[in-house]
């Protein structure tokens, strides 16, 4: 698989608990959302993460960089 060529779209609804008092998603909420997208991408490609681990392949996240284009708001 060429990771640069894979595209996948996941939908996640911003929950109230992930926001501040103004209804803006807390920046730390994005990392679990990215993990959901990664897991769904692998499953869509027929490579469930659990199966990869069982075969001895692990995909540790060693660096994350985000650029926020606009705030995610409750209940986006």
PDB file of N, CA and C in Angstrom:
ATOM      1  N   UNK A   1       0.835  -1.192   0.000  1.00  0.00           N
ATOM      2  CA  UNK A   1       0.000   0.000   0.000  1.00  0.00           C
ATOM      3  C   UNK A   1       0.868   1.240   0.000  1.00  0.00           C
ATOM      4  N   UNK A   2       0.509   2.213  -0.793  1.00  0.00           N
ATOM      5  CA  UNK A   2       1.184   3.500  -0.804  1.00  0.00           C
ATOM      6  C   UNK A   2       0.346   4.457   0.035  1.00  0.00           C
ATOM      7  N   UNK A   3       0.799   4.741   1.259  1.00  0.00           N
ATOM      8  CA  UNK A   3       0.026   5.560   2.192  1.00  0.00           C
ATOM      9  C   UNK A   3      -0.288   6.930   1.620  1.00  0.00           C
ATOM     10  N   UNK A   4       0.551   7.447   0.747  1.00  0.00           N
ATOM     11  CA  UNK A   4       0.308   8.756   0.164  1.00  0.00           C
ATOM     12  C   UNK A   4      -0.880   8.728  -0.800  1.00  0.00           C
ATOM     13  N   UNK A   5      -1.283   7.560  -1.239  1.00  0.00           N
ATOM     14  CA  UNK A   5      -2.351   7.444  -2.224  1.00  0.00           C
ATOM     15  C   UNK A   5      -3.689   7.041  -1.611  1.00  0.00           C
ATOM     16  N   UNK A   6      -3.721   6.725  -0.339  1.00  0.00           N
ATOM     17  CA  UNK A   6      -4.964   6.287   0.283  1.00  0.00           C
ATOM     18  C   UNK A   6      -5.804   7.479   0.712  1.00  0.00           C
ATOM     19  N   UNK A   7      -7.084   7.427   0.415  1.00  0.00           N
ATOM     20  CA  UNK A   7      -8.013   8.457   0.848  1.00  0.00           C
ATOM     21  C   UNK A   7      -9.177   7.787   1.563  1.00  0.00           C
ATOM     22  N   UNK A   8      -9.617   8.415   2.628  1.00  0.00           N
ATOM     23  CA  UNK A   8     -10.755   7.891   3.377  1.00  0.00           C
ATOM     24  C   UNK A   8     -11.395   9.049   4.121  1.00  0.00           C
ATOM     25  N   UNK A   9     -12.687   9.020   4.270  1.00  0.00           N
ATOM     26  CA  UNK A   9     -13.392  10.054   5.007  1.00  0.00           C
ATOM     27  C   UNK A   9     -14.137   9.415   6.166  1.00  0.00           C
ATOM     28  N   UNK A  10     -13.915   9.940   7.358  1.00  0.00           N
ATOM     29  CA  UNK A  10     -14.629   9.483   8.550  1.00  0.00           C
ATOM     30  C   UNK A  10     -15.478  10.629   9.070  1.00  0.00           C
ATOM     31  N   UNK A  11     -16.616  10.296   9.617  1.00  0.00           N
ATOM     32  CA  UNK A  11     -17.466  11.320  10.213  1.00  0.00           C
ATOM     33  C   UNK A  11     -17.522  11.106  11.720  1.00  0.00           C
ATOM     34  N   UNK A  12     -17.235  12.175  12.422  1.00  0.00           N
ATOM     35  CA  UNK A  12     -17.263  12.147  13.883  1.00  0.00           C
ATOM     36  C   UNK A  12     -18.046  13.360  14.342  1.00  0.00           C
ATOM     37  N   UNK A  13     -18.980  13.154  15.235  1.00  0.00           N
ATOM     38  CA  UNK A  13     -19.775  14.257  15.768  1.00  0.00           C
ATOM     39  C   UNK A  13     -19.110  14.780  17.037  1.00  0.00           C
ATOM     40  N   UNK A  14     -18.948  16.097  17.108  1.00  0.00           N
ATOM     41  CA  UNK A  14     -18.348  16.716  18.288  1.00  0.00           C
ATOM     42  C   UNK A  14     -19.314  16.557  19.457  1.00  0.00           C
ATOM     43  N   UNK A  15     -18.832  15.916  20.508  1.00  0.00           N
ATOM     44  CA  UNK A  15     -19.658  15.715  21.703  1.00  0.00           C
ATOM     45  C   UNK A  15     -19.458  16.870  22.676  1.00  0.00           C
ATOM     46  N   UNK A  16     -20.457  17.150  23.457  1.00  0.00           N
ATOM     47  CA  UNK A  16     -20.417  18.267  24.412  1.00  0.00           C
ATOM     48  C   UNK A  16     -19.207  18.169  25.334  1.00  0.00           C
ATOM     49  N   UNK A  17     -18.872  16.971  25.769  1.00  0.00           N
ATOM     50  CA  UNK A  17     -17.759  16.766  26.702  1.00  0.00           C
ATOM     51  C   UNK A  17     -16.402  17.109  26.073  1.00  0.00           C
ATOM     52  N   UNK A  18     -16.347  17.234  24.742  1.00  0.00           N
ATOM     53  CA  UNK A  18     -15.097  17.535  24.043  1.00  0.00           C
ATOM     54  C   UNK A  18     -14.916  19.032  23.792  1.00  0.00           C
ATOM     55  N   UNK A  19     -15.799  19.837  24.360  1.00  0.00           N
ATOM     56  CA  UNK A  19     -15.769  21.275  24.092  1.00  0.00           C
ATOM     57  C   UNK A  19     -15.538  22.091  25.357  1.00  0.00           C
ATOM     58  N   UNK A  20     -15.223  23.366  25.115  1.00  0.00           N
ATOM     59  CA  UNK A  20     -15.104  24.301  26.235  1.00  0.00           C
ATOM     60  C   UNK A  20     -16.461  24.981  26.449  1.00  0.00           C
ATOM     61  N   UNK A  21     -16.500  25.973  27.295  1.00  0.00           N
ATOM     62  CA  UNK A  21     -17.770  26.631  27.619  1.00  0.00           C
ATOM     63  C   UNK A  21     -18.370  27.400  26.439  1.00  0.00           C
ATOM     64  N   UNK A  22     -17.583  27.638  25.405  1.00  0.00           N
ATOM     65  CA  UNK A  22     -18.087  28.335  24.221  1.00  0.00           C
ATOM     66  C   UNK A  22     -18.517  27.355  23.131  1.00  0.00           C
ATOM     67  N   UNK A  23     -18.442  26.049  23.427  1.00  0.00           N
ATOM     68  CA  UNK A  23     -18.844  25.037  22.461  1.00  0.00           C
ATOM     69  C   UNK A  23     -17.790  24.727  21.419  1.00  0.00           C
ATOM     70  N   UNK A  24     -16.537  25.188  21.644  1.00  0.00           N
ATOM     71  CA  UNK A  24     -15.436  24.936  20.718  1.00  0.00           C
ATOM     72  C   UNK A  24     -14.709  23.667  21.156  1.00  0.00           C
ATOM     73  N   UNK A  25     -14.443  22.775  20.211  1.00  0.00           N
ATOM     74  CA  UNK A  25     -13.767  21.513  20.530  1.00  0.00           C
ATOM     75  C   UNK A  25     -12.368  21.789  21.093  1.00  0.00           C
ATOM     76  N   UNK A  26     -12.048  21.128  22.184  1.00  0.00           N
ATOM     77  CA  UNK A  26     -10.735  21.201  22.812  1.00  0.00           C
ATOM     78  C   UNK A  26      -9.706  20.609  21.860  1.00  0.00           C
ATOM     79  N   UNK A  27      -8.546  21.264  21.729  1.00  0.00           N
ATOM     80  CA  UNK A  27      -7.545  20.815  20.743  1.00  0.00           C
ATOM     81  C   UNK A  27      -7.088  19.378  20.975  1.00  0.00           C
ATOM     82  N   UNK A  28      -7.085  18.911  22.210  1.00  0.00           N
ATOM     83  CA  UNK A  28      -6.683  17.539  22.506  1.00  0.00           C
ATOM     84  C   UNK A  28      -7.674  16.495  22.016  1.00  0.00           C
ATOM     85  N   UNK A  29      -8.879  16.925  21.663  1.00  0.00           N
ATOM     86  CA  UNK A  29      -9.893  15.989  21.159  1.00  0.00           C
ATOM     87  C   UNK A  29      -9.567  15.488  19.762  1.00  0.00           C
ATOM     88  N   UNK A  30      -8.749  16.220  19.039  1.00  0.00           N
ATOM     89  CA  UNK A  30      -8.474  15.860  17.647  1.00  0.00           C
ATOM     90  C   UNK A  30      -7.666  14.565  17.522  1.00  0.00           C
ATOM     91  N   UNK A  31      -6.782  14.295  18.453  1.00  0.00           N
ATOM     92  CA  UNK A  31      -5.956  13.087  18.334  1.00  0.00           C
ATOM     93  C   UNK A  31      -6.770  11.798  18.382  1.00  0.00           C
ATOM     94  N   UNK A  32      -7.698  11.640  19.324  1.00  0.00           N
ATOM     95  CA  UNK A  32      -8.549  10.438  19.261  1.00  0.00           C
ATOM     96  C   UNK A  32      -9.377  10.377  17.976  1.00  0.00           C
ATOM     97  N   UNK A  33      -9.803  11.522  17.467  1.00  0.00           N
ATOM     98  CA  UNK A  33     -10.557  11.527  16.215  1.00  0.00           C
ATOM     99  C   UNK A  33      -9.682  11.046  15.064  1.00  0.00           C
ATOM    100  N   UNK A  34      -8.417  11.442  15.059  1.00  0.00           N
ATOM    101  CA  UNK A  34      -7.497  10.973  14.019  1.00  0.00           C
ATOM    102  C   UNK A  34      -7.278   9.466  14.114  1.00  0.00           C
ATOM    103  N   UNK A  35      -7.255   8.957  15.331  1.00  0.00           N
ATOM    104  CA  UNK A  35      -7.089   7.514  15.514  1.00  0.00           C
ATOM    105  C   UNK A  35      -8.305   6.760  14.980  1.00  0.00           C
ATOM    106  N   UNK A  36      -9.503   7.299  15.182  1.00  0.00           N
ATOM    107  CA  UNK A  36     -10.710   6.691  14.621  1.00  0.00           C
ATOM    108  C   UNK A  36     -10.583   6.634  13.100  1.00  0.00           C
ATOM    109  N   UNK A  37     -10.143   7.728  12.497  1.00  0.00           N
ATOM    110  CA  UNK A  37     -10.002   7.775  11.043  1.00  0.00           C
ATOM    111  C   UNK A  37      -8.955   6.774  10.552  1.00  0.00           C
ATOM    112  N   UNK A  38      -7.841   6.657  11.270  1.00  0.00           N
ATOM    113  CA  UNK A  38      -6.800   5.711  10.862  1.00  0.00           C
ATOM    114  C   UNK A  38      -7.316   4.278  10.920  1.00  0.00           C
ATOM    115  N   UNK A  39      -8.018   3.943  11.990  1.00  0.00           N
ATOM    116  CA  UNK A  39      -8.564   2.599  12.150  1.00  0.00           C
ATOM    117  C   UNK A  39      -9.581   2.293  11.056  1.00  0.00           C
ATOM    118  N   UNK A  40     -10.457   3.264  10.758  1.00  0.00           N
ATOM    119  CA  UNK A  40     -11.453   3.059   9.706  1.00  0.00           C
ATOM    120  C   UNK A  40     -10.803   2.946   8.334  1.00  0.00           C
ATOM    121  N   UNK A  41      -9.747   3.698   8.087  1.00  0.00           N
ATOM    122  CA  UNK A  41      -9.024   3.607   6.816  1.00  0.00           C
ATOM    123  C   UNK A  41      -8.433   2.218   6.633  1.00  0.00           C
ATOM    124  N   UNK A  42      -7.781   1.714   7.656  1.00  0.00           N
ATOM    125  CA  UNK A  42      -7.202   0.376   7.574  1.00  0.00           C
ATOM    126  C   UNK A  42      -8.274  -0.680   7.327  1.00  0.00           C
ATOM    127  N   UNK A  43      -9.391  -0.574   8.041  1.00  0.00           N
ATOM    128  CA  UNK A  43     -10.482  -1.532   7.848  1.00  0.00           C
ATOM    129  C   UNK A  43     -11.033  -1.448   6.429  1.00  0.00           C
ATOM    130  N   UNK A  44     -11.181  -0.233   5.903  1.00  0.00           N
ATOM    131  CA  UNK A  44     -11.697  -0.064   4.542  1.00  0.00           C
ATOM    132  C   UNK A  44     -10.761  -0.680   3.505  1.00  0.00           C
ATOM    133  N   UNK A  45      -9.481  -0.738   3.822  1.00  0.00           N
ATOM    134  CA  UNK A  45      -8.490  -1.323   2.922  1.00  0.00           C
ATOM    135  C   UNK A  45      -8.308  -2.828   3.172  1.00  0.00           C
ATOM    136  N   UNK A  46      -9.134  -3.395   4.082  1.00  0.00           N
ATOM    137  CA  UNK A  46      -9.059  -4.822   4.356  1.00  0.00           C
ATOM    138  C   UNK A  46      -7.918  -5.213   5.272  1.00  0.00           C
ATOM    139  N   UNK A  47      -7.448  -4.251   6.069  1.00  0.00           N
ATOM    140  CA  UNK A  47      -6.331  -4.499   6.988  1.00  0.00           C
ATOM    141  C   UNK A  47      -6.703  -4.073   8.404  1.00  0.00           C
ATOM    142  N   UNK A  48      -7.585  -4.798   9.049  1.00  0.00           N
ATOM    143  CA  UNK A  48      -7.948  -4.418  10.417  1.00  0.00           C
ATOM    144  C   UNK A  48      -6.698  -4.321  11.302  1.00  0.00           C
ATOM    145  N   UNK A  49      -6.648  -3.298  12.124  1.00  0.00           N
ATOM    146  CA  UNK A  49      -5.464  -3.060  12.947  1.00  0.00           C
ATOM    147  C   UNK A  49      -5.130  -4.265  13.822  1.00  0.00           C
ATOM    148  N   UNK A  50      -6.135  -4.887  14.384  1.00  0.00           N
ATOM    149  CA  UNK A  50      -5.910  -6.065  15.237  1.00  0.00           C
ATOM    150  C   UNK A  50      -5.211  -7.180  14.461  1.00  0.00           C
ATOM    151  N   UNK A  51      -5.607  -7.355  13.199  1.00  0.00           N
ATOM    152  CA  UNK A  51      -4.988  -8.382  12.371  1.00  0.00           C
ATOM    153  C   UNK A  51      -3.526  -8.028  12.058  1.00  0.00           C
ATOM    154  N   UNK A  52      -3.265  -6.767  11.800  1.00  0.00           N
ATOM    155  CA  UNK A  52      -1.880  -6.341  11.559  1.00  0.00           C
ATOM    156  C   UNK A  52      -0.997  -6.628  12.777  1.00  0.00           C
ATOM    157  N   UNK A  53      -1.504  -6.305  13.967  1.00  0.00           N
ATOM    158  CA  UNK A  53      -0.748  -6.570  15.192  1.00  0.00           C
ATOM    159  C   UNK A  53      -0.521  -8.066  15.383  1.00  0.00           C
ATOM    160  N   UNK A  54      -1.527  -8.872  15.078  1.00  0.00           N
ATOM    161  CA  UNK A  54      -1.393 -10.320  15.223  1.00  0.00           C
ATOM    162  C   UNK A  54      -0.308 -10.863  14.300  1.00  0.00           C
ATOM    163  N   UNK A  55      -0.092 -10.184  13.192  1.00  0.00           N
ATOM    164  CA  UNK A  55       0.957 -10.591  12.251  1.00  0.00           C
ATOM    165  C   UNK A  55       2.316  -9.965  12.588  1.00  0.00           C
ATOM    166  N   UNK A  56       2.345  -9.187  13.681  1.00  0.00           N
ATOM    167  CA  UNK A  56       3.614  -8.600  14.109  1.00  0.00           C
ATOM    168  C   UNK A  56       3.898  -7.205  13.582  1.00  0.00           C
ATOM    169  N   UNK A  57       2.901  -6.583  12.973  1.00  0.00           N
ATOM    170  CA  UNK A  57       3.068  -5.223  12.460  1.00  0.00           C
ATOM    171  C   UNK A  57       2.425  -4.228  13.413  1.00  0.00           C
ATOM    172  N   UNK A  58       3.181  -3.225  13.811  1.00  0.00           N
ATOM    173  CA  UNK A  58       2.682  -2.200  14.711  1.00  0.00           C
ATOM    174  C   UNK A  58       2.881  -0.842  14.053  1.00  0.00           C
ATOM    175  N   UNK A  59       1.970   0.053  14.271  1.00  0.00           N
ATOM    176  CA  UNK A  59       2.009   1.362  13.633  1.00  0.00           C
ATOM    177  C   UNK A  59       2.021   2.467  14.690  1.00  0.00           C
ATOM    178  N   UNK A  60       3.137   2.629  15.402  1.00  0.00           N
ATOM    179  CA  UNK A  60       3.174   3.659  16.433  1.00  0.00           C
ATOM    180  C   UNK A  60       3.151   5.059  15.814  1.00  0.00           C
ATOM    181  N   UNK A  61       2.460   5.951  16.467  1.00  0.00           N
ATOM    182  CA  UNK A  61       2.478   7.357  16.053  1.00  0.00           C
ATOM    183  C   UNK A  61       3.684   7.985  16.729  1.00  0.00           C
ATOM    184  N   UNK A  62       4.616   8.477  15.931  1.00  0.00           N
ATOM    185  CA  UNK A  62       5.838   9.047  16.512  1.00  0.00           C
ATOM    186  C   UNK A  62       5.883  10.565  16.393  1.00  0.00           C
ATOM    187  N   UNK A  63       4.991  11.115  15.599  1.00  0.00           N
ATOM    188  CA  UNK A  63       4.937  12.569  15.475  1.00  0.00           C
ATOM    189  C   UNK A  63       3.578  12.969  14.928  1.00  0.00           C
ATOM    190  N   UNK A  64       3.053  14.078  15.438  1.00  0.00           N
ATOM    191  CA  UNK A  64       1.779  14.605  14.965  1.00  0.00           C
ATOM    192  C   UNK A  64       1.930  16.106  14.777  1.00  0.00           C
ATOM    193  N   UNK A  65       1.434  16.578  13.668  1.00  0.00           N
ATOM    194  CA  UNK A  65       1.416  18.010  13.397  1.00  0.00           C
ATOM    195  C   UNK A  65       0.048  18.347  12.831  1.00  0.00           C
ATOM    196  N   UNK A  66      -0.609  19.328  13.411  1.00  0.00           N
ATOM    197  CA  UNK A  66      -1.944  19.718  12.957  1.00  0.00           C
ATOM    198  C   UNK A  66      -1.966  21.199  12.629  1.00  0.00           C
ATOM    199  N   UNK A  67      -2.743  21.538  11.625  1.00  0.00           N
ATOM    200  CA  UNK A  67      -3.006  22.935  11.307  1.00  0.00           C
ATOM    201  C   UNK A  67      -4.520  23.090  11.349  1.00  0.00           C
ATOM    202  N   UNK A  68      -4.998  23.875  12.280  1.00  0.00           N
ATOM    203  CA  UNK A  68      -6.431  24.054  12.460  1.00  0.00           C
ATOM    204  C   UNK A  68      -6.928  25.138  11.515  1.00  0.00           C
ATOM    205  N   UNK A  69      -7.824  24.786  10.620  1.00  0.00           N
ATOM    206  CA  UNK A  69      -8.340  25.732   9.633  1.00  0.00           C
ATOM    207  C   UNK A  69      -9.529  26.530  10.165  1.00  0.00           C
ATOM    208  N   UNK A  70     -10.321  25.877  10.981  1.00  0.00           N
ATOM    209  CA  UNK A  70     -11.451  26.542  11.646  1.00  0.00           C
ATOM    210  C   UNK A  70     -11.839  25.675  12.832  1.00  0.00           C
ATOM    211  N   UNK A  71     -12.481  26.261  13.815  1.00  0.00           N
ATOM    212  CA  UNK A  71     -12.837  25.465  14.991  1.00  0.00           C
ATOM    213  C   UNK A  71     -13.955  24.464  14.699  1.00  0.00           C
ATOM    214  N   UNK A  72     -13.847  23.330  15.351  1.00  0.00           N
ATOM    215  CA  UNK A  72     -14.952  22.363  15.358  1.00  0.00           C
ATOM    216  C   UNK A  72     -15.846  22.759  16.520  1.00  0.00           C
ATOM    217  N   UNK A  73     -17.128  22.856  16.274  1.00  0.00           N
ATOM    218  CA  UNK A  73     -18.074  23.322  17.283  1.00  0.00           C
ATOM    219  C   UNK A  73     -19.069  22.239  17.635  1.00  0.00           C
ATOM    220  N   UNK A  74     -19.570  22.280  18.857  1.00  0.00           N
ATOM    221  CA  UNK A  74     -20.652  21.392  19.264  1.00  0.00           C
ATOM    222  C   UNK A  74     -21.915  21.859  18.574  1.00  0.00           C
ATOM    223  N   UNK A  75     -22.691  21.029  17.942  1.00  0.00           N
ATOM    224  CA  UNK A  75     -22.594  19.596  17.721  1.00  0.00           C
ATOM    225  C   UNK A  75     -22.176  19.235  16.297  1.00  0.00           C
ATOM    226  N   UNK A  76     -21.183  19.918  15.735  1.00  0.00           N
ATOM    227  CA  UNK A  76     -20.700  19.606  14.373  1.00  0.00           C
ATOM    228  C   UNK A  76     -20.437  18.130  14.208  1.00  0.00           C
TER     229      UNK A  76
END
